[in-house]
Amino acid sequence: MNLVAKRLEDLGVALPRPAAPAANYVGAVRAGALLIVSGQLPFGPDGKLAAAHVGKLAPGSNVEPAREAARLCAVNVLAQAQAALGDLDRIERVVRLGGFFNVQSSFDALPQAMDGASDLMMQVFGDRGRHARMTLGVSHVPLDALCAVEAMFEIAP
């Protein structure tokens, strides 16, 4: 078992089958030493969105469901990367994460919500998981999901 697979197992994370693209795009693209993974929604192991991960964030919303949703998105990002690379140990560095949160109006805890995805990358990759990121509140996310997360990885040849 490779190192990343062992860390995922230790965290109790089983990578699901990658979600099929919903339109005219692919789940991941390799460009030189980069792997860019398309935005992933917080689908659970059953391939569905849990009720807690649907809807809009508003001022005063509990950050925990959004944090959990971002973590699930990151799990799905890793599933796409696994499908593209065959071995997550080929990831030399998490370069960037982008998080898009479904907001009704201002919701000031977006950075804390996005930490759900960032924390998972650090737990899985250690120092190689430190990354740049952008977190935005948007007026709509597909399927009314709380969030979507995209990623860019540096990969070994």
N, C-alpha and C. Protein backbone atom coordinates (compact mmCIF):
# COMPACT_ATOMS: atom_id res chain seq x y z
N MET A 1 0.84 -1.18 0.00
CA MET A 1 0.00 0.00 0.00
C MET A 1 0.89 1.24 0.00
N ASN A 2 0.55 2.22 -0.85
CA ASN A 2 1.37 3.42 -0.91
C ASN A 2 1.08 4.34 0.28
N LEU A 3 1.91 5.35 0.46
CA LEU A 3 1.85 6.24 1.62
C LEU A 3 0.53 7.00 1.68
N VAL A 4 0.10 7.58 0.57
CA VAL A 4 -1.14 8.36 0.58
C VAL A 4 -2.33 7.46 0.86
N ALA A 5 -2.37 6.29 0.26
CA ALA A 5 -3.46 5.35 0.52
C ALA A 5 -3.50 4.97 2.00
N LYS A 6 -2.35 4.79 2.62
CA LYS A 6 -2.27 4.46 4.04
C LYS A 6 -2.80 5.61 4.88
N ARG A 7 -2.42 6.83 4.54
CA ARG A 7 -2.92 7.98 5.31
C ARG A 7 -4.44 8.11 5.18
N LEU A 8 -4.95 7.90 3.97
CA LEU A 8 -6.40 7.95 3.78
C LEU A 8 -7.08 6.87 4.62
N GLU A 9 -6.52 5.67 4.62
CA GLU A 9 -7.09 4.58 5.42
C GLU A 9 -7.07 4.94 6.90
N ASP A 10 -5.95 5.50 7.37
CA ASP A 10 -5.84 5.90 8.77
C ASP A 10 -6.88 6.97 9.14
N LEU A 11 -7.25 7.81 8.17
CA LEU A 11 -8.26 8.85 8.40
C LEU A 11 -9.68 8.32 8.22
N GLY A 12 -9.80 7.06 7.81
CA GLY A 12 -11.12 6.49 7.59
C GLY A 12 -11.77 6.97 6.32
N VAL A 13 -10.94 7.39 5.35
CA VAL A 13 -11.45 7.91 4.08
C VAL A 13 -11.30 6.85 2.99
N ALA A 14 -12.42 6.48 2.39
CA ALA A 14 -12.41 5.60 1.23
C ALA A 14 -12.78 6.46 0.03
N LEU A 15 -11.91 6.45 -0.97
CA LEU A 15 -12.20 7.25 -2.16
C LEU A 15 -13.34 6.62 -2.95
N PRO A 16 -14.33 7.44 -3.32
CA PRO A 16 -15.45 6.92 -4.11
C PRO A 16 -15.08 6.82 -5.58
N ARG A 17 -15.97 6.25 -6.35
CA ARG A 17 -15.82 6.28 -7.81
C ARG A 17 -15.95 7.75 -8.21
N PRO A 18 -15.06 8.26 -9.06
CA PRO A 18 -15.14 9.68 -9.44
C PRO A 18 -16.47 9.99 -10.14
N ALA A 19 -17.02 11.15 -9.82
CA ALA A 19 -18.26 11.58 -10.45
C ALA A 19 -18.01 11.83 -11.94
N ALA A 20 -18.96 11.43 -12.75
CA ALA A 20 -18.88 11.69 -14.19
C ALA A 20 -19.17 13.16 -14.45
N PRO A 21 -18.50 13.77 -15.43
CA PRO A 21 -18.79 15.16 -15.76
C PRO A 21 -20.26 15.33 -16.15
N ALA A 22 -20.82 16.47 -15.75
CA ALA A 22 -22.24 16.74 -16.02
C ALA A 22 -22.45 17.48 -17.33
N ALA A 23 -21.38 17.86 -18.00
CA ALA A 23 -21.49 18.61 -19.26
C ALA A 23 -20.25 18.32 -20.10
N ASN A 24 -19.88 19.26 -20.97
CA ASN A 24 -18.80 19.06 -21.91
C ASN A 24 -17.44 19.46 -21.30
N TYR A 25 -16.94 18.63 -20.40
CA TYR A 25 -15.62 18.82 -19.78
C TYR A 25 -15.17 17.48 -19.23
N VAL A 26 -13.95 17.43 -18.74
CA VAL A 26 -13.42 16.21 -18.16
C VAL A 26 -13.12 16.45 -16.68
N GLY A 27 -13.01 15.38 -15.92
CA GLY A 27 -12.77 15.49 -14.48
C GLY A 27 -11.40 16.02 -14.12
N ALA A 28 -10.41 15.74 -14.97
CA ALA A 28 -9.05 16.20 -14.69
C ALA A 28 -8.27 16.27 -16.00
N VAL A 29 -7.31 17.19 -16.03
CA VAL A 29 -6.45 17.38 -17.20
C VAL A 29 -5.01 17.49 -16.71
N ARG A 30 -4.13 16.76 -17.38
CA ARG A 30 -2.70 16.89 -17.10
C ARG A 30 -2.10 17.87 -18.10
N ALA A 31 -1.33 18.83 -17.61
CA ALA A 31 -0.63 19.80 -18.45
C ALA A 31 0.80 19.89 -17.94
N GLY A 32 1.70 19.21 -18.61
CA GLY A 32 3.09 19.18 -18.14
C GLY A 32 3.17 18.51 -16.78
N ALA A 33 3.73 19.22 -15.82
CA ALA A 33 3.87 18.68 -14.47
C ALA A 33 2.69 19.03 -13.58
N LEU A 34 1.59 19.49 -14.18
CA LEU A 34 0.41 19.86 -13.39
C LEU A 34 -0.75 18.93 -13.69
N LEU A 35 -1.54 18.69 -12.66
CA LEU A 35 -2.83 18.02 -12.81
C LEU A 35 -3.87 18.98 -12.28
N ILE A 36 -4.81 19.36 -13.13
CA ILE A 36 -5.88 20.27 -12.75
C ILE A 36 -7.15 19.45 -12.65
N VAL A 37 -7.79 19.50 -11.48
CA VAL A 37 -9.02 18.74 -11.25
C VAL A 37 -10.20 19.71 -11.26
N SER A 38 -11.20 19.37 -12.07
CA SER A 38 -12.42 20.18 -12.17
C SER A 38 -13.12 20.26 -10.81
N GLY A 39 -13.94 21.28 -10.65
CA GLY A 39 -14.69 21.46 -9.41
C GLY A 39 -15.52 20.24 -9.07
N GLN A 40 -15.43 19.84 -7.81
CA GLN A 40 -16.16 18.67 -7.31
C GLN A 40 -17.17 19.10 -6.25
N LEU A 41 -18.31 18.45 -6.27
CA LEU A 41 -19.37 18.72 -5.30
C LEU A 41 -19.24 17.79 -4.11
N PRO A 42 -19.95 18.08 -3.01
CA PRO A 42 -19.84 17.26 -1.80
C PRO A 42 -20.71 16.00 -1.83
N PHE A 43 -20.52 15.19 -2.86
CA PHE A 43 -21.24 13.91 -2.92
C PHE A 43 -20.69 12.99 -1.85
N GLY A 44 -21.57 12.30 -1.17
CA GLY A 44 -21.17 11.32 -0.16
C GLY A 44 -20.79 10.01 -0.81
N PRO A 45 -20.44 9.02 -0.01
CA PRO A 45 -20.05 7.71 -0.54
C PRO A 45 -21.14 7.05 -1.39
N ASP A 46 -22.40 7.44 -1.14
CA ASP A 46 -23.52 6.88 -1.92
C ASP A 46 -23.74 7.62 -3.24
N GLY A 47 -22.89 8.62 -3.52
CA GLY A 47 -23.00 9.39 -4.76
C GLY A 47 -24.09 10.45 -4.73
N LYS A 48 -24.61 10.75 -3.54
CA LYS A 48 -25.69 11.74 -3.41
C LYS A 48 -25.26 12.88 -2.50
N LEU A 49 -25.97 13.99 -2.65
CA LEU A 49 -25.75 15.13 -1.76
C LEU A 49 -26.61 14.93 -0.51
N ALA A 50 -25.99 14.99 0.66
CA ALA A 50 -26.75 14.92 1.90
C ALA A 50 -27.51 16.22 2.10
N ALA A 51 -28.65 16.17 2.75
CA ALA A 51 -29.47 17.36 3.00
C ALA A 51 -28.66 18.46 3.70
N ALA A 52 -27.72 18.07 4.56
CA ALA A 52 -26.91 19.05 5.29
C ALA A 52 -25.94 19.79 4.38
N HIS A 53 -25.74 19.30 3.15
CA HIS A 53 -24.77 19.91 2.24
C HIS A 53 -25.45 20.57 1.05
N VAL A 54 -26.71 20.94 1.22
CA VAL A 54 -27.49 21.61 0.18
C VAL A 54 -28.02 22.92 0.74
N GLY A 55 -28.11 23.93 -0.11
CA GLY A 55 -28.69 25.20 0.30
C GLY A 55 -27.68 26.33 0.32
N LYS A 56 -28.13 27.45 0.81
CA LYS A 56 -27.29 28.65 0.83
C LYS A 56 -26.86 29.01 2.24
N LEU A 57 -25.66 29.53 2.34
CA LEU A 57 -25.15 30.05 3.60
C LEU A 57 -25.60 31.49 3.75
N ALA A 58 -25.95 31.86 4.94
CA ALA A 58 -26.40 33.22 5.22
C ALA A 58 -25.69 33.70 6.49
N PRO A 59 -25.74 35.02 6.75
CA PRO A 59 -25.14 35.49 8.00
C PRO A 59 -25.70 34.70 9.18
N GLY A 60 -24.82 34.24 10.04
CA GLY A 60 -25.23 33.47 11.20
C GLY A 60 -25.35 31.98 10.95
N SER A 61 -25.17 31.51 9.72
CA SER A 61 -25.22 30.06 9.44
C SER A 61 -24.09 29.36 10.18
N ASN A 62 -24.37 28.16 10.62
CA ASN A 62 -23.37 27.31 11.26
C ASN A 62 -22.31 26.96 10.21
N VAL A 63 -21.05 27.14 10.53
CA VAL A 63 -19.97 26.88 9.59
C VAL A 63 -19.69 25.38 9.42
N GLU A 64 -20.07 24.57 10.41
CA GLU A 64 -19.69 23.15 10.39
C GLU A 64 -20.21 22.38 9.18
N PRO A 65 -21.48 22.51 8.77
CA PRO A 65 -21.91 21.80 7.56
C PRO A 65 -21.13 22.22 6.31
N ALA A 66 -20.78 23.49 6.21
CA ALA A 66 -20.00 23.97 5.07
C ALA A 66 -18.58 23.41 5.12
N ARG A 67 -18.01 23.32 6.30
CA ARG A 67 -16.67 22.73 6.49
C ARG A 67 -16.68 21.26 6.08
N GLU A 68 -17.71 20.53 6.53
CA GLU A 68 -17.86 19.12 6.19
C GLU A 68 -18.05 18.95 4.68
N ALA A 69 -18.84 19.84 4.08
CA ALA A 69 -19.07 19.78 2.63
C ALA A 69 -17.76 20.01 1.87
N ALA A 70 -16.97 20.98 2.31
CA ALA A 70 -15.68 21.24 1.66
C ALA A 70 -14.75 20.04 1.78
N ARG A 71 -14.78 19.36 2.91
CA ARG A 71 -13.96 18.16 3.09
C ARG A 71 -14.41 17.06 2.12
N LEU A 72 -15.72 16.88 1.99
CA LEU A 72 -16.23 15.88 1.04
C LEU A 72 -15.83 16.23 -0.39
N CYS A 73 -15.88 17.51 -0.72
CA CYS A 73 -15.43 17.93 -2.05
C CYS A 73 -13.97 17.55 -2.25
N ALA A 74 -13.15 17.75 -1.23
CA ALA A 74 -11.72 17.41 -1.33
C ALA A 74 -11.53 15.91 -1.50
N VAL A 75 -12.34 15.10 -0.84
CA VAL A 75 -12.28 13.65 -1.03
C VAL A 75 -12.57 13.32 -2.49
N ASN A 76 -13.56 14.00 -3.05
CA ASN A 76 -13.92 13.76 -4.46
C ASN A 76 -12.86 14.28 -5.41
N VAL A 77 -12.18 15.36 -5.05
CA VAL A 77 -11.03 15.84 -5.83
C VAL A 77 -9.95 14.75 -5.87
N LEU A 78 -9.68 14.15 -4.71
CA LEU A 78 -8.66 13.09 -4.66
C LEU A 78 -9.08 11.87 -5.46
N ALA A 79 -10.37 11.57 -5.49
CA ALA A 79 -10.85 10.45 -6.31
C ALA A 79 -10.60 10.73 -7.80
N GLN A 80 -10.82 11.96 -8.23
CA GLN A 80 -10.54 12.32 -9.62
C GLN A 80 -9.04 12.22 -9.91
N ALA A 81 -8.22 12.70 -8.97
CA ALA A 81 -6.76 12.64 -9.15
C ALA A 81 -6.29 11.19 -9.21
N GLN A 82 -6.84 10.34 -8.36
CA GLN A 82 -6.48 8.91 -8.36
C GLN A 82 -6.83 8.30 -9.72
N ALA A 83 -8.00 8.63 -10.24
CA ALA A 83 -8.41 8.08 -11.54
C ALA A 83 -7.48 8.56 -12.66
N ALA A 84 -7.02 9.80 -12.57
CA ALA A 84 -6.16 10.37 -13.61
C ALA A 84 -4.73 9.85 -13.52
N LEU A 85 -4.24 9.65 -12.30
CA LEU A 85 -2.82 9.30 -12.10
C LEU A 85 -2.57 7.83 -11.80
N GLY A 86 -3.55 7.15 -11.25
CA GLY A 86 -3.37 5.76 -10.87
C GLY A 86 -2.70 5.59 -9.51
N ASP A 87 -1.99 6.60 -9.03
CA ASP A 87 -1.26 6.51 -7.77
C ASP A 87 -1.12 7.91 -7.20
N LEU A 88 -1.76 8.18 -6.06
CA LEU A 88 -1.71 9.52 -5.47
C LEU A 88 -0.33 9.87 -4.92
N ASP A 89 0.55 8.89 -4.77
CA ASP A 89 1.92 9.19 -4.36
C ASP A 89 2.67 9.95 -5.44
N ARG A 90 2.13 10.01 -6.65
CA ARG A 90 2.75 10.80 -7.73
C ARG A 90 2.56 12.30 -7.50
N ILE A 91 1.68 12.67 -6.59
CA ILE A 91 1.47 14.09 -6.29
C ILE A 91 2.64 14.58 -5.44
N GLU A 92 3.40 15.51 -6.02
CA GLU A 92 4.55 16.07 -5.30
C GLU A 92 4.14 17.25 -4.43
N ARG A 93 3.07 17.93 -4.84
CA ARG A 93 2.63 19.11 -4.08
C ARG A 93 1.21 19.46 -4.45
N VAL A 94 0.44 19.86 -3.43
CA VAL A 94 -0.86 20.48 -3.68
C VAL A 94 -0.52 21.95 -3.94
N VAL A 95 -0.77 22.41 -5.15
CA VAL A 95 -0.39 23.77 -5.54
C VAL A 95 -1.47 24.78 -5.13
N ARG A 96 -2.74 24.45 -5.46
CA ARG A 96 -3.81 25.42 -5.24
C ARG A 96 -5.13 24.71 -5.07
N LEU A 97 -5.97 25.25 -4.19
CA LEU A 97 -7.37 24.85 -4.08
C LEU A 97 -8.23 26.07 -4.34
N GLY A 98 -9.36 25.85 -4.97
CA GLY A 98 -10.34 26.92 -5.16
C GLY A 98 -11.66 26.44 -4.57
N GLY A 99 -12.26 27.26 -3.73
CA GLY A 99 -13.53 26.91 -3.11
C GLY A 99 -14.60 27.92 -3.45
N PHE A 100 -15.77 27.43 -3.81
CA PHE A 100 -16.90 28.27 -4.20
C PHE A 100 -18.08 27.88 -3.32
N PHE A 101 -18.54 28.80 -2.50
CA PHE A 101 -19.61 28.52 -1.54
C PHE A 101 -20.89 29.23 -1.94
N ASN A 102 -21.99 28.52 -1.84
CA ASN A 102 -23.33 28.97 -2.19
C ASN A 102 -23.83 29.89 -1.07
N VAL A 103 -23.87 31.19 -1.33
CA VAL A 103 -24.25 32.14 -0.28
C VAL A 103 -25.48 32.95 -0.68
N GLN A 104 -26.29 33.22 0.31
CA GLN A 104 -27.48 34.03 0.14
C GLN A 104 -27.09 35.51 0.15
N SER A 105 -26.22 35.84 1.04
CA SER A 105 -25.66 37.20 1.14
C SER A 105 -24.32 37.04 1.83
N SER A 106 -23.89 38.01 2.55
CA SER A 106 -22.57 37.89 3.17
C SER A 106 -22.54 36.76 4.19
N PHE A 107 -21.47 36.01 4.14
CA PHE A 107 -21.19 34.93 5.09
C PHE A 107 -19.70 35.03 5.34
N ASP A 108 -19.33 35.53 6.50
CA ASP A 108 -17.94 35.88 6.76
C ASP A 108 -17.04 34.72 7.16
N ALA A 109 -17.59 33.53 7.32
CA ALA A 109 -16.77 32.39 7.75
C ALA A 109 -16.32 31.52 6.58
N LEU A 110 -16.24 32.09 5.37
CA LEU A 110 -15.80 31.31 4.21
C LEU A 110 -14.41 30.70 4.41
N PRO A 111 -13.42 31.46 4.94
CA PRO A 111 -12.10 30.84 5.13
C PRO A 111 -12.16 29.63 6.07
N GLN A 112 -12.94 29.72 7.13
CA GLN A 112 -13.06 28.61 8.06
C GLN A 112 -13.78 27.42 7.41
N ALA A 113 -14.76 27.69 6.57
CA ALA A 113 -15.46 26.62 5.86
C ALA A 113 -14.50 25.91 4.91
N MET A 114 -13.69 26.67 4.20
CA MET A 114 -12.75 26.09 3.23
C MET A 114 -11.66 25.29 3.91
N ASP A 115 -11.42 25.56 5.19
CA ASP A 115 -10.43 24.78 5.93
C ASP A 115 -10.78 23.29 5.94
N GLY A 116 -12.05 22.93 5.74
CA GLY A 116 -12.41 21.52 5.65
C GLY A 116 -11.64 20.82 4.54
N ALA A 117 -11.49 21.49 3.40
CA ALA A 117 -10.72 20.93 2.28
C ALA A 117 -9.22 21.06 2.54
N SER A 118 -8.79 22.22 2.99
CA SER A 118 -7.36 22.45 3.22
C SER A 118 -6.80 21.52 4.28
N ASP A 119 -7.55 21.34 5.36
CA ASP A 119 -7.08 20.46 6.44
C ASP A 119 -6.90 19.03 5.95
N LEU A 120 -7.82 18.55 5.10
CA LEU A 120 -7.68 17.19 4.58
C LEU A 120 -6.41 17.06 3.75
N MET A 121 -6.12 18.05 2.91
CA MET A 121 -4.90 17.98 2.09
C MET A 121 -3.66 17.93 2.97
N MET A 122 -3.66 18.69 4.06
CA MET A 122 -2.51 18.67 4.97
C MET A 122 -2.40 17.32 5.68
N GLN A 123 -3.54 16.76 6.08
CA GLN A 123 -3.53 15.46 6.75
C GLN A 123 -3.03 14.36 5.82
N VAL A 124 -3.41 14.43 4.57
CA VAL A 124 -3.05 13.40 3.60
C VAL A 124 -1.62 13.54 3.10
N PHE A 125 -1.21 14.78 2.78
CA PHE A 125 0.09 14.99 2.13
C PHE A 125 1.15 15.61 3.04
N GLY A 126 0.82 15.94 4.27
CA GLY A 126 1.79 16.58 5.15
C GLY A 126 2.21 17.93 4.57
N ASP A 127 3.49 18.25 4.66
CA ASP A 127 3.98 19.54 4.15
C ASP A 127 3.74 19.72 2.65
N ARG A 128 3.67 18.61 1.91
CA ARG A 128 3.38 18.70 0.47
C ARG A 128 1.95 19.18 0.23
N GLY A 129 1.14 19.18 1.28
CA GLY A 129 -0.26 19.62 1.17
C GLY A 129 -0.47 21.10 1.38
N ARG A 130 0.58 21.84 1.76
CA ARG A 130 0.44 23.30 1.90
C ARG A 130 0.22 23.90 0.52
N HIS A 131 -0.74 24.81 0.43
CA HIS A 131 -1.16 25.29 -0.89
C HIS A 131 -1.64 26.72 -0.84
N ALA A 132 -1.67 27.32 -2.01
CA ALA A 132 -2.35 28.61 -2.18
C ALA A 132 -3.83 28.29 -2.36
N ARG A 133 -4.70 29.27 -2.10
CA ARG A 133 -6.11 29.00 -2.32
C ARG A 133 -6.90 30.29 -2.52
N MET A 134 -8.06 30.10 -3.12
CA MET A 134 -9.04 31.18 -3.30
C MET A 134 -10.36 30.64 -2.80
N THR A 135 -11.06 31.42 -2.02
CA THR A 135 -12.37 31.03 -1.51
C THR A 135 -13.35 32.15 -1.80
N LEU A 136 -14.43 31.82 -2.49
CA LEU A 136 -15.41 32.82 -2.89
C LEU A 136 -16.82 32.42 -2.50
N GLY A 137 -17.65 33.41 -2.21
CA GLY A 137 -19.08 33.21 -2.06
C GLY A 137 -19.72 33.53 -3.39
N VAL A 138 -20.56 32.62 -3.89
CA VAL A 138 -21.21 32.79 -5.18
C VAL A 138 -22.72 32.65 -5.02
N SER A 139 -23.47 33.10 -6.01
CA SER A 139 -24.92 33.08 -5.90
C SER A 139 -25.55 31.72 -6.18
N HIS A 140 -24.80 30.83 -6.83
CA HIS A 140 -25.35 29.50 -7.10
C HIS A 140 -24.23 28.50 -7.35
N VAL A 141 -24.41 27.31 -6.82
CA VAL A 141 -23.52 26.17 -7.08
C VAL A 141 -24.42 25.07 -7.67
N PRO A 142 -23.95 24.32 -8.66
CA PRO A 142 -24.78 23.27 -9.26
C PRO A 142 -25.44 22.38 -8.21
N LEU A 143 -26.66 21.99 -8.50
CA LEU A 143 -27.48 21.12 -7.65
C LEU A 143 -27.77 21.75 -6.29
N ASP A 144 -27.59 23.07 -6.17
CA ASP A 144 -27.81 23.81 -4.93
C ASP A 144 -26.90 23.31 -3.80
N ALA A 145 -25.75 22.72 -4.17
CA ALA A 145 -24.79 22.25 -3.17
C ALA A 145 -24.22 23.43 -2.39
N LEU A 146 -23.81 23.18 -1.16
CA LEU A 146 -23.20 24.23 -0.35
C LEU A 146 -21.91 24.75 -0.96
N CYS A 147 -21.16 23.87 -1.63
CA CYS A 147 -19.88 24.31 -2.17
C CYS A 147 -19.39 23.40 -3.28
N ALA A 148 -18.35 23.87 -3.95
CA ALA A 148 -17.60 23.10 -4.93
C ALA A 148 -16.13 23.43 -4.71
N VAL A 149 -15.26 22.45 -4.89
CA VAL A 149 -13.82 22.66 -4.71
C VAL A 149 -13.09 22.13 -5.94
N GLU A 150 -12.15 22.94 -6.45
CA GLU A 150 -11.27 22.54 -7.55
C GLU A 150 -9.84 22.51 -7.03
N ALA A 151 -8.93 21.86 -7.79
CA ALA A 151 -7.55 21.74 -7.31
C ALA A 151 -6.55 21.72 -8.45
N MET A 152 -5.32 22.07 -8.08
CA MET A 152 -4.19 21.97 -8.98
C MET A 152 -3.06 21.30 -8.20
N PHE A 153 -2.48 20.26 -8.80
CA PHE A 153 -1.40 19.50 -8.18
C PHE A 153 -0.16 19.51 -9.06
N GLU A 154 1.01 19.53 -8.44
CA GLU A 154 2.25 19.27 -9.16
C GLU A 154 2.48 17.77 -9.07
N ILE A 155 2.79 17.16 -10.21
CA ILE A 155 2.94 15.70 -10.20
C ILE A 155 4.33 15.29 -10.71
N ALA A 156 4.74 14.13 -10.25
CA ALA A 156 6.02 13.57 -10.70
C ALA A 156 5.84 13.03 -12.12
N PRO A 157 6.93 13.03 -12.90
CA PRO A 157 6.83 12.53 -14.27
C PRO A 157 6.47 11.06 -14.32
